[in-house]
N, C-alpha and C. Protein backbone atom coordinates (compact mmCIF):
# COMPACT_ATOMS: atom_id res chain seq x y z
N ALA A 1 191.97 306.50 107.41
CA ALA A 1 192.52 306.23 106.73
C ALA A 1 193.73 305.56 107.49
N VAL A 2 193.01 304.10 108.62
CA VAL A 2 194.28 302.93 108.86
C VAL A 2 193.18 302.02 109.53
N THR A 3 192.55 301.30 109.01
CA THR A 3 192.50 300.10 110.38
C THR A 3 194.01 299.06 111.01
N VAL A 4 192.99 298.49 112.14
CA VAL A 4 193.97 297.86 113.04
C VAL A 4 193.33 296.83 113.16
N GLY A 5 192.99 295.42 112.96
CA GLY A 5 192.61 294.70 112.13
C GLY A 5 191.52 295.26 112.06
N ARG A 6 190.46 294.82 113.18
CA ARG A 6 188.37 295.30 112.94
C ARG A 6 188.43 297.67 113.14
N HIS A 7 189.84 298.31 114.41
CA HIS A 7 189.55 299.39 114.55
C HIS A 7 189.05 300.43 113.71
N VAL A 8 188.96 300.75 113.58
CA VAL A 8 189.44 302.32 111.99
C VAL A 8 190.43 303.33 112.68
N ILE A 9 191.18 304.01 112.08
CA ILE A 9 191.17 305.19 112.68
C ILE A 9 191.34 306.86 111.23
N SER A 10 190.23 307.35 111.72
CA SER A 10 190.01 307.67 110.60
C SER A 10 190.14 309.00 110.43
N GLU A 11 190.42 309.87 109.29
CA GLU A 11 191.40 310.63 108.71
C GLU A 11 191.10 311.68 109.77
N ARG A 12 189.79 312.21 110.57
CA ARG A 12 189.95 312.85 111.00
C ARG A 12 189.73 313.15 112.51
N ASP A 13 190.08 311.68 113.15
CA ASP A 13 190.79 311.03 114.59
C ASP A 13 192.48 311.70 114.85
N ILE A 14 192.93 311.55 113.24
CA ILE A 14 194.72 312.20 113.09
C ILE A 14 193.91 313.18 113.22
N LEU A 15 193.89 314.10 112.21
CA LEU A 15 193.73 315.57 112.52
C LEU A 15 193.08 316.70 113.72
N GLU A 16 193.14 315.52 114.20
CA GLU A 16 192.48 315.56 116.11
C GLU A 16 193.13 315.48 116.62
N ASP A 17 194.25 314.91 116.63
CA ASP A 17 195.38 314.30 116.97
C ASP A 17 196.69 314.78 116.67
N LEU A 18 196.46 316.00 115.81
CA LEU A 18 197.80 316.85 116.07
C LEU A 18 197.12 318.09 115.75
N ARG A 19 196.36 318.67 115.96
CA ARG A 19 194.95 319.49 116.59
C ARG A 19 195.27 319.44 117.71
N LEU A 20 195.59 318.50 118.75
CA LEU A 20 195.67 318.32 120.12
C LEU A 20 197.08 318.44 120.59
N SER A 21 197.78 318.31 119.25
CA SER A 21 198.39 317.83 120.48
C SER A 21 199.35 319.13 120.05
N ALA A 22 199.45 319.68 119.49
CA ALA A 22 200.22 321.16 118.16
C ALA A 22 199.31 322.28 119.72
N PHE A 23 198.25 321.78 119.89
CA PHE A 23 197.59 322.80 121.10
C PHE A 23 199.00 322.84 122.44
N LEU A 24 198.82 321.42 123.12
CA LEU A 24 199.96 321.02 123.50
C LEU A 24 200.65 322.21 124.17
N ASP A 25 201.56 322.17 122.73
CA ASP A 25 202.67 321.98 122.70
C ASP A 25 202.68 323.74 122.16
N GLY A 26 201.34 323.81 122.49
CA GLY A 26 201.55 326.02 121.72
C GLY A 26 202.56 325.95 119.70
N LYS A 27 202.27 325.16 119.39
CA LYS A 27 202.76 325.22 118.82
C LYS A 27 201.04 325.55 117.04
N PRO A 28 201.00 326.08 115.63
CA PRO A 28 200.58 325.00 115.07
C PRO A 28 201.24 324.38 113.88
N PRO A 29 199.36 323.81 113.66
CA PRO A 29 199.78 321.85 113.47
C PRO A 29 200.10 321.53 112.67
N ASP A 30 200.65 320.41 112.24
CA ASP A 30 202.19 321.12 110.81
C ASP A 30 200.31 319.72 109.75
N PHE A 31 199.80 319.46 109.45
CA PHE A 31 198.78 318.58 108.94
C PHE A 31 199.95 317.97 107.67
N SER A 32 200.90 317.98 107.23
CA SER A 32 201.93 316.84 106.63
C SER A 32 201.86 315.86 106.62
N GLY A 33 202.23 315.11 105.60
CA GLY A 33 202.38 313.65 105.01
C GLY A 33 202.76 313.13 106.05
N GLU A 34 204.27 313.57 105.95
CA GLU A 34 204.86 312.34 106.97
C GLU A 34 204.27 312.95 108.95
N GLN A 35 203.29 313.83 108.91
CA GLN A 35 203.35 314.41 110.53
C GLN A 35 202.08 313.78 111.54
N LYS A 36 200.70 313.26 109.85
CA LYS A 36 200.32 312.15 109.61
C LYS A 36 199.98 311.19 110.20
N ARG A 37 201.92 310.87 109.02
CA ARG A 37 201.64 309.11 110.00
C ARG A 37 202.45 308.96 110.32
N LYS A 38 203.21 310.10 111.72
CA LYS A 38 203.19 310.11 112.81
C LYS A 38 201.84 310.15 113.51
N ALA A 39 201.29 311.05 113.39
CA ALA A 39 200.52 310.82 113.96
C ALA A 39 198.97 310.02 113.88
N ALA A 40 199.25 309.05 113.15
CA ALA A 40 198.56 307.22 112.86
C ALA A 40 199.30 306.27 114.11
N ASP A 41 201.05 306.69 113.33
CA ASP A 41 201.72 305.45 114.38
C ASP A 41 201.45 305.64 116.24
N ARG A 42 200.76 306.79 115.87
CA ARG A 42 200.75 306.90 117.75
C ARG A 42 199.07 306.27 117.82
N LEU A 43 198.58 306.58 117.34
CA LEU A 43 196.80 306.18 117.48
C LEU A 43 197.21 304.58 117.48
N ILE A 44 197.89 304.00 116.89
CA ILE A 44 197.95 302.77 116.80
C ILE A 44 198.26 302.72 117.94
N ASP A 45 199.51 302.58 118.14
CA ASP A 45 200.57 302.22 119.36
C ASP A 45 199.13 302.60 120.71
N GLN A 46 198.59 303.55 120.57
CA GLN A 46 197.87 303.80 121.92
C GLN A 46 196.11 302.72 121.72
N TYR A 47 195.66 302.56 120.86
CA TYR A 47 194.75 302.07 120.54
C TYR A 47 195.42 299.95 121.00
N LEU A 48 196.73 299.87 120.58
CA LEU A 48 196.58 298.30 120.54
C LEU A 48 197.34 298.20 122.23
N VAL A 49 197.47 299.03 122.93
CA VAL A 49 197.47 299.76 124.43
C VAL A 49 197.02 299.65 124.97
N LEU A 50 196.30 300.13 124.48
CA LEU A 50 194.83 300.71 125.71
C LEU A 50 194.30 299.47 125.42
N GLU A 51 194.41 298.19 123.71
CA GLU A 51 193.18 297.23 123.87
C GLU A 51 193.04 296.05 124.58
N ASP A 52 195.39 296.06 125.22
CA ASP A 52 195.52 295.17 125.18
C ASP A 52 195.59 295.03 127.22
N ALA A 53 194.85 296.56 127.81
CA ALA A 53 194.79 296.68 129.01
C ALA A 53 193.18 296.10 128.65
N ALA A 54 192.35 295.85 127.88
CA ALA A 54 190.84 296.54 128.08
C ALA A 54 191.01 294.15 128.41
N VAL A 55 191.38 293.99 128.04
CA VAL A 55 191.68 292.53 127.60
C VAL A 55 192.15 291.53 129.50
N THR A 56 193.39 292.36 129.92
CA THR A 56 193.96 292.12 130.76
C THR A 56 192.92 292.90 132.18
N ARG A 57 191.94 293.69 131.81
CA ARG A 57 191.09 294.04 132.79
C ARG A 57 191.88 295.08 133.89
N ALA A 58 192.63 295.97 133.10
CA ALA A 58 193.75 296.11 134.48
C ALA A 58 192.90 297.76 134.28
N ALA A 59 192.79 298.18 135.37
CA ALA A 59 193.17 298.87 135.61
C ALA A 59 193.43 300.51 135.17
N LEU A 60 192.43 300.32 134.77
CA LEU A 60 192.76 302.86 134.21
C LEU A 60 193.28 303.81 134.80
N ALA A 61 193.43 304.76 134.36
CA ALA A 61 193.31 306.32 134.26
C ALA A 61 191.86 306.51 134.34
N THR A 62 190.41 307.28 135.44
CA THR A 62 189.79 307.43 135.35
C THR A 62 189.72 309.06 134.48
N PRO A 63 188.40 309.87 134.54
CA PRO A 63 188.63 311.22 134.29
C PRO A 63 188.79 312.18 135.83
N GLY A 64 188.61 311.94 136.14
CA GLY A 64 188.63 312.35 137.46
C GLY A 64 190.32 313.02 137.67
N ASP A 65 191.42 310.90 137.45
CA ASP A 65 192.30 311.24 137.13
C ASP A 65 192.74 312.39 136.75
N ALA A 66 192.59 312.62 135.11
CA ALA A 66 193.54 313.35 134.29
C ALA A 66 192.48 314.81 134.33
N ALA A 67 191.56 315.09 135.24
CA ALA A 67 191.75 316.17 134.66
C ALA A 67 192.31 317.34 136.42
N PRO A 68 194.31 316.79 137.06
CA PRO A 68 194.33 317.89 137.00
C PRO A 68 195.62 318.47 135.68
N LEU A 69 195.83 317.54 135.25
CA LEU A 69 196.27 317.72 133.64
C LEU A 69 196.20 318.74 133.14
N LEU A 70 194.81 319.22 133.29
CA LEU A 70 194.32 320.01 132.51
C LEU A 70 194.67 321.71 132.90
N VAL A 71 195.21 321.53 134.58
CA VAL A 71 195.05 322.45 135.20
C VAL A 71 196.80 323.44 134.54
N PRO A 72 197.50 323.00 134.58
CA PRO A 72 198.79 324.08 133.18
C PRO A 72 198.34 324.36 132.56
N VAL A 73 197.06 323.56 131.89
CA VAL A 73 197.34 324.24 130.57
C VAL A 73 196.33 325.38 130.40
N LYS A 74 195.61 325.07 131.41
CA LYS A 74 194.57 326.26 131.58
C LYS A 74 195.21 327.63 131.70
N ALA A 75 196.16 326.90 132.74
CA ALA A 75 197.06 328.11 133.63
C ALA A 75 198.28 328.83 132.24
N ARG A 76 197.49 328.87 131.51
CA ARG A 76 198.55 329.02 129.91
C ARG A 76 197.66 330.96 129.76
N TYR A 77 196.19 330.47 130.49
CA TYR A 77 195.60 331.82 129.28
C TYR A 77 195.18 332.86 130.57
N ALA A 78 195.12 334.21 131.13
CA ALA A 78 194.89 334.10 131.80
C ALA A 78 193.18 334.08 132.42
N THR A 79 192.35 333.79 131.33
CA THR A 79 190.83 333.68 132.00
C THR A 79 189.61 332.25 131.52
N ASP A 80 189.55 332.21 131.86
CA ASP A 80 188.83 330.92 130.78
C ASP A 80 187.81 330.96 129.26
N THR A 81 187.84 332.44 129.19
CA THR A 81 187.21 333.26 127.83
C THR A 81 188.21 333.33 127.11
N GLU A 82 189.63 333.51 127.26
CA GLU A 82 190.14 333.29 126.24
C GLU A 82 191.15 332.09 126.44
N TYR A 83 190.79 331.33 127.00
CA TYR A 83 190.96 329.70 127.34
C TYR A 83 190.05 328.92 126.10
N ARG A 84 188.59 329.39 126.46
CA ARG A 84 188.01 328.90 125.37
C ARG A 84 187.88 329.40 124.11
N ALA A 85 188.67 330.56 123.66
CA ALA A 85 189.22 330.95 122.40
C ALA A 85 189.71 330.17 121.99
N ALA A 86 191.19 330.24 122.65
CA ALA A 86 192.04 329.34 122.12
C ALA A 86 192.20 328.12 121.66
N LEU A 87 191.04 326.96 123.17
CA LEU A 87 190.59 326.03 121.81
C LEU A 87 189.78 326.42 120.61
N ALA A 88 188.73 327.09 120.20
CA ALA A 88 188.07 327.34 119.62
C ALA A 88 189.04 327.65 118.30
N GLN A 89 189.48 328.76 117.86
CA GLN A 89 190.90 328.88 117.22
C GLN A 89 191.69 327.44 116.83
N ALA A 90 192.00 326.86 118.15
CA ALA A 90 192.69 325.49 117.58
C ALA A 90 191.98 324.20 117.49
N ARG A 91 190.58 324.99 116.82
CA ARG A 91 189.43 323.98 117.15
C ARG A 91 189.16 322.51 117.07
N ILE A 92 188.99 322.90 118.36
CA ILE A 92 189.26 321.24 119.64
C ILE A 92 187.89 322.05 120.71
N THR A 93 187.66 320.99 121.07
CA THR A 93 186.90 320.71 122.30
C THR A 93 187.75 320.88 123.55
N ASP A 94 187.05 321.40 124.96
CA ASP A 94 187.40 321.00 125.85
C ASP A 94 187.32 319.83 126.61
N ALA A 95 186.25 318.26 126.02
CA ALA A 95 186.21 317.46 125.74
C ALA A 95 187.45 316.74 125.27
N GLU A 96 187.52 317.35 124.05
CA GLU A 96 188.64 316.12 122.96
C GLU A 96 189.68 316.94 124.29
N LEU A 97 190.07 318.07 124.76
CA LEU A 97 191.37 317.76 124.89
C LEU A 97 191.30 316.80 125.77
N SER A 98 190.36 317.31 127.09
CA SER A 98 190.74 316.36 127.98
C SER A 98 190.64 315.05 127.74
N ALA A 99 190.12 314.32 127.03
CA ALA A 99 190.06 312.66 125.76
C ALA A 99 191.01 312.38 126.04
N HIS A 100 192.17 313.17 125.22
CA HIS A 100 193.53 312.94 124.82
C HIS A 100 194.58 313.15 126.57
N LEU A 101 194.14 313.82 126.56
CA LEU A 101 195.52 313.46 128.60
C LEU A 101 194.59 312.03 129.08
N LEU A 102 193.04 312.12 129.11
CA LEU A 102 192.99 311.13 129.28
C LEU A 102 193.47 309.93 128.83
N ALA A 103 193.88 309.49 127.49
CA ALA A 103 193.82 308.40 127.07
C ALA A 103 195.75 308.55 127.26
N GLY A 104 196.50 309.82 126.85
CA GLY A 104 198.35 309.83 127.14
C GLY A 104 198.19 308.75 128.21
N LEU A 105 197.15 309.88 129.65
CA LEU A 105 196.92 309.24 130.70
C LEU A 105 196.81 307.99 131.56
N ARG A 106 196.01 307.08 130.70
CA ARG A 106 195.99 305.39 130.76
C ARG A 106 196.72 304.77 130.32
N MET A 107 198.16 305.27 129.13
CA MET A 107 197.94 304.80 128.65
C MET A 107 200.15 304.29 128.94
N LEU A 108 200.41 305.82 129.86
CA LEU A 108 201.44 305.93 130.60
C LEU A 108 201.03 305.44 131.90
N ARG A 109 199.98 304.97 132.58
CA ARG A 109 199.90 303.95 133.42
C ARG A 109 199.38 302.56 132.75
N TYR A 110 199.61 302.04 132.11
CA TYR A 110 199.90 300.92 132.00
C TYR A 110 200.98 299.85 131.36
N THR A 111 201.43 301.23 130.73
CA THR A 111 202.51 301.43 130.29
C THR A 111 203.16 301.07 131.41
N ASP A 112 203.92 301.42 132.86
CA ASP A 112 204.60 302.20 133.66
C ASP A 112 204.19 299.78 133.97
N VAL A 113 202.10 299.85 134.48
CA VAL A 113 201.91 298.44 135.15
C VAL A 113 202.37 297.64 135.08
N ARG A 114 202.99 297.40 132.81
CA ARG A 114 202.93 295.81 132.68
C ARG A 114 204.79 295.97 131.92
N PHE A 115 205.11 297.08 131.98
CA PHE A 115 206.49 297.01 132.17
C PHE A 115 207.28 296.76 133.13
N ARG A 116 207.37 298.01 134.09
CA ARG A 116 208.11 298.20 134.78
C ARG A 116 208.38 296.51 135.23
N PRO A 117 207.25 295.94 135.96
CA PRO A 117 208.17 295.11 136.94
C PRO A 117 208.98 294.68 135.51
N GLU A 118 209.16 294.35 134.99
CA GLU A 118 210.24 293.41 133.52
C GLU A 118 212.07 294.57 133.75
N ALA A 119 212.04 296.00 133.87
CA ALA A 119 212.73 296.28 134.70
C ALA A 119 214.03 295.63 135.30
N GLN A 120 214.93 295.62 134.77
CA GLN A 120 216.24 295.52 136.15
C GLN A 120 217.77 296.22 136.03
N VAL A 121 217.72 296.71 136.38
CA VAL A 121 218.52 298.21 137.39
C VAL A 121 219.67 297.01 137.99
N THR A 122 220.66 296.76 137.60
CA THR A 122 221.94 296.67 138.05
C THR A 122 222.71 297.43 138.61
N GLU A 123 223.62 297.40 139.79
CA GLU A 123 224.68 298.08 140.15
C GLU A 123 225.72 298.16 138.87
N GLU A 124 225.86 297.33 138.92
CA GLU A 124 226.59 297.49 138.13
C GLU A 124 226.70 298.71 136.66
N GLY A 125 225.63 297.98 135.78
CA GLY A 125 224.43 299.15 134.92
C GLY A 125 224.58 300.36 135.30
N LEU A 126 223.93 300.40 136.86
CA LEU A 126 223.74 302.06 137.90
C LEU A 126 225.74 302.50 137.78
N ARG A 127 226.92 301.87 137.43
CA ARG A 127 227.34 302.57 137.59
C ARG A 127 228.28 303.27 136.51
N ALA A 128 227.95 301.33 135.31
CA ALA A 128 228.41 302.07 134.14
C ALA A 128 228.03 303.80 133.25
N TYR A 129 226.49 303.46 134.37
CA TYR A 129 225.66 304.50 133.86
C TYR A 129 226.14 305.99 134.10
N TYR A 130 226.70 306.17 135.32
CA TYR A 130 226.43 306.91 136.49
C TYR A 130 228.13 307.51 135.73
N ASP A 131 228.72 307.23 135.16
CA ASP A 131 230.38 307.27 134.89
C ASP A 131 229.89 307.37 133.56
N THR A 132 229.10 307.05 132.78
CA THR A 132 228.77 308.24 131.12
C THR A 132 228.04 309.62 131.16
N LEU A 133 227.22 309.23 131.72
CA LEU A 133 227.14 310.96 131.69
C LEU A 133 227.74 311.46 132.98
N ALA A 134 228.32 310.95 133.57
CA ALA A 134 230.60 311.76 134.54
C ALA A 134 231.17 312.34 133.30
N ALA A 135 231.45 311.10 132.77
CA ALA A 135 232.24 311.87 131.94
C ALA A 135 231.53 313.08 129.95
N GLN A 136 231.31 312.79 130.09
CA GLN A 136 230.11 313.53 129.33
C GLN A 136 229.78 314.51 129.25
N TYR A 137 228.82 315.23 130.88
CA TYR A 137 228.53 316.14 131.34
C TYR A 137 229.43 316.93 132.77
N PRO A 138 231.25 316.95 132.82
CA PRO A 138 231.82 317.08 133.99
C PRO A 138 230.94 317.77 134.95
N GLN A 139 230.73 319.46 134.46
CA GLN A 139 230.78 320.45 134.96
C GLN A 139 229.25 319.88 135.77
N ALA A 140 228.84 319.66 136.17
CA ALA A 140 227.73 319.10 136.18
C ALA A 140 227.26 317.73 137.45
N ALA A 141 228.76 316.82 137.02
CA ALA A 141 228.94 315.28 137.73
C ALA A 141 229.11 315.85 139.53
N ARG A 142 227.48 314.95 140.49
CA ARG A 142 227.62 315.46 142.39
C ARG A 142 228.37 313.26 141.92
N ASN A 143 228.21 312.87 142.84
CA ASN A 143 229.28 312.07 143.06
C ASN A 143 227.45 310.53 142.71
N PHE A 144 228.48 309.71 143.25
CA PHE A 144 227.40 308.61 142.71
C PHE A 144 226.00 308.94 143.78
N GLU A 145 226.52 308.35 144.55
CA GLU A 145 225.96 308.39 145.39
C GLU A 145 224.42 309.54 145.31
N GLU A 146 225.02 310.31 145.38
CA GLU A 146 223.73 311.61 145.43
C GLU A 146 222.41 311.10 144.00
N SER A 147 223.87 310.87 142.89
CA SER A 147 222.19 310.89 141.59
C SER A 147 222.23 309.52 141.12
N ARG A 148 222.15 308.29 142.92
CA ARG A 148 221.89 306.70 142.49
C ARG A 148 219.85 307.36 142.43
N GLU A 149 219.70 307.07 142.71
CA GLU A 149 217.84 307.96 143.13
C GLU A 149 218.06 308.43 141.34
N GLN A 150 218.45 309.92 140.77
CA GLN A 150 218.44 309.29 139.42
C GLN A 150 218.48 308.39 138.36
N ILE A 151 219.80 308.35 138.66
CA ILE A 151 219.86 307.33 137.18
C ILE A 151 219.44 305.48 138.07
N GLU A 152 218.38 305.83 138.51
CA GLU A 152 217.93 304.56 138.08
C GLU A 152 216.81 304.37 137.52
N LYS A 153 215.99 305.15 138.03
CA LYS A 153 215.06 306.02 137.80
C LYS A 153 214.77 306.12 136.28
N LEU A 154 216.12 307.07 135.62
CA LEU A 154 216.67 306.81 134.10
C LEU A 154 216.85 305.85 133.56
N LEU A 155 217.71 304.55 134.39
CA LEU A 155 217.25 303.24 133.96
C LEU A 155 216.54 302.52 133.46
N THR A 156 215.34 302.28 134.96
CA THR A 156 214.22 301.88 134.87
C THR A 156 213.20 302.43 133.36
N ASP A 157 213.00 303.86 133.56
CA ASP A 157 212.63 304.08 132.94
C ASP A 157 213.09 304.00 131.42
N GLN A 158 214.20 304.14 130.82
CA GLN A 158 214.74 302.92 129.79
C GLN A 158 214.19 302.07 129.09
N GLN A 159 214.30 301.34 130.33
CA GLN A 159 214.16 299.73 129.87
C GLN A 159 212.78 298.83 130.26
N THR A 160 211.71 299.74 130.82
CA THR A 160 210.22 300.08 129.94
C THR A 160 209.95 300.67 128.98
N MET A 161 211.00 301.77 128.03
CA MET A 161 210.10 301.54 127.16
C MET A 161 210.80 301.16 126.33
N ARG A 162 212.48 300.30 126.54
CA ARG A 162 212.55 299.48 125.51
C ARG A 162 210.97 297.67 124.72
N SER A 163 210.73 297.35 126.67
CA SER A 163 210.11 296.70 126.86
C SER A 163 208.75 297.30 125.75
N LEU A 164 208.19 297.53 125.95
CA LEU A 164 206.89 298.59 125.92
C LEU A 164 207.36 298.57 124.14
N ASP A 165 207.93 298.89 124.25
CA ASP A 165 208.31 298.82 122.55
C ASP A 165 209.06 297.88 121.56
N ALA A 166 209.90 296.86 121.86
CA ALA A 166 209.07 294.88 121.55
C ALA A 166 208.05 295.10 121.51
N TRP A 167 207.45 294.82 122.36
CA TRP A 167 206.25 294.20 122.73
C TRP A 167 205.47 294.81 121.29
N LEU A 168 205.08 296.48 121.33
CA LEU A 168 204.67 297.09 120.19
C LEU A 168 204.93 296.27 119.14
N SER A 169 206.35 296.32 118.98
CA SER A 169 206.29 295.34 117.78
C SER A 169 206.54 294.13 116.54
N MET A 170 206.40 293.85 118.59
CA MET A 170 205.98 292.32 117.92
C MET A 170 204.21 292.35 117.73
N THR A 171 203.79 292.77 118.35
CA THR A 171 201.54 292.71 118.36
C THR A 171 202.48 293.13 116.80
N ARG A 172 202.21 294.07 116.92
CA ARG A 172 202.69 294.88 115.49
C ARG A 172 202.39 293.94 114.25
N ASP A 173 203.54 292.83 114.18
CA ASP A 173 203.40 291.94 112.96
C ASP A 173 202.09 291.24 113.45
N GLU A 174 202.03 291.29 114.36
CA GLU A 174 200.89 290.06 114.51
C GLU A 174 199.61 290.56 114.61
N THR A 175 199.83 292.29 113.85
CA THR A 175 198.51 292.29 113.72
C THR A 175 198.18 292.79 112.50
N GLU A 176 196.80 293.06 111.61
CA GLU A 176 196.58 293.46 110.49
C GLU A 176 196.40 295.15 110.84
N ILE A 177 197.37 295.66 110.91
CA ILE A 177 197.10 297.25 109.82
C ILE A 177 197.50 297.18 108.02
N LEU A 178 195.99 297.86 108.09
CA LEU A 178 196.76 298.43 107.00
C LEU A 178 195.66 300.23 106.64
N TYR A 179 196.62 300.93 106.01
CA TYR A 179 196.65 301.93 105.82
C TYR A 179 196.75 302.87 104.64
N ARG A 180 195.87 303.89 103.78
CA ARG A 180 195.58 304.78 103.22
C ARG A 180 196.07 305.46 102.82
N GLU A 181 196.27 304.54 102.32
CA GLU A 181 197.96 305.84 101.49
C GLU A 181 197.66 307.09 101.14
N ALA A 182 196.89 307.07 100.36
CA ALA A 182 195.96 308.85 100.04
C ALA A 182 196.23 309.54 101.35
N VAL A 183 195.60 308.85 101.61
CA VAL A 183 195.03 309.61 103.15
C VAL A 183 196.61 311.01 103.43
N PHE A 184 198.05 309.89 103.17
CA PHE A 184 199.53 311.12 103.77
C PHE A 184 200.18 311.30 102.92
N LYS A 185 200.08 311.67 101.25
CA LYS A 185 199.82 312.49 101.15
C LYS A 185 200.33 313.82 100.98
């Protein structure tokens, strides 16, 4: 479906990603061309980030780190048999679900290590963001000091994501990415 440099993302990979994401969201999968394109873009971004992690020899999450992510997923089902039946109905395996969660965790952790240090939150930025939120949600507004930690985290997360998006945009521009358009119709 897509080649990213020399790396291939197959249509099967895209369909699997859609099934896994839908399973986690508790929804039926949408195999429309638009959703396939979004899944392909997610997989491209994931590949680029994890490739950068490999090049920089960053310590990544291990399967053991991802195991706790399965707990709330399995908790949706009364028994292991129900869980296994739901997996079968979704046409995914426990191993595929675990790998999907692990890849996401690796991407999140590497993004945090790679881009969070670039986030610079100033006192003025904190106060301006607080004022904006307080104006939008006056009924929920607490004083600035009570909200400070949450606002700082929100702003840091936003700046981290902007840094990631800018890096992905630049990396995509520098990488040969070819879509097989017939897959996305």
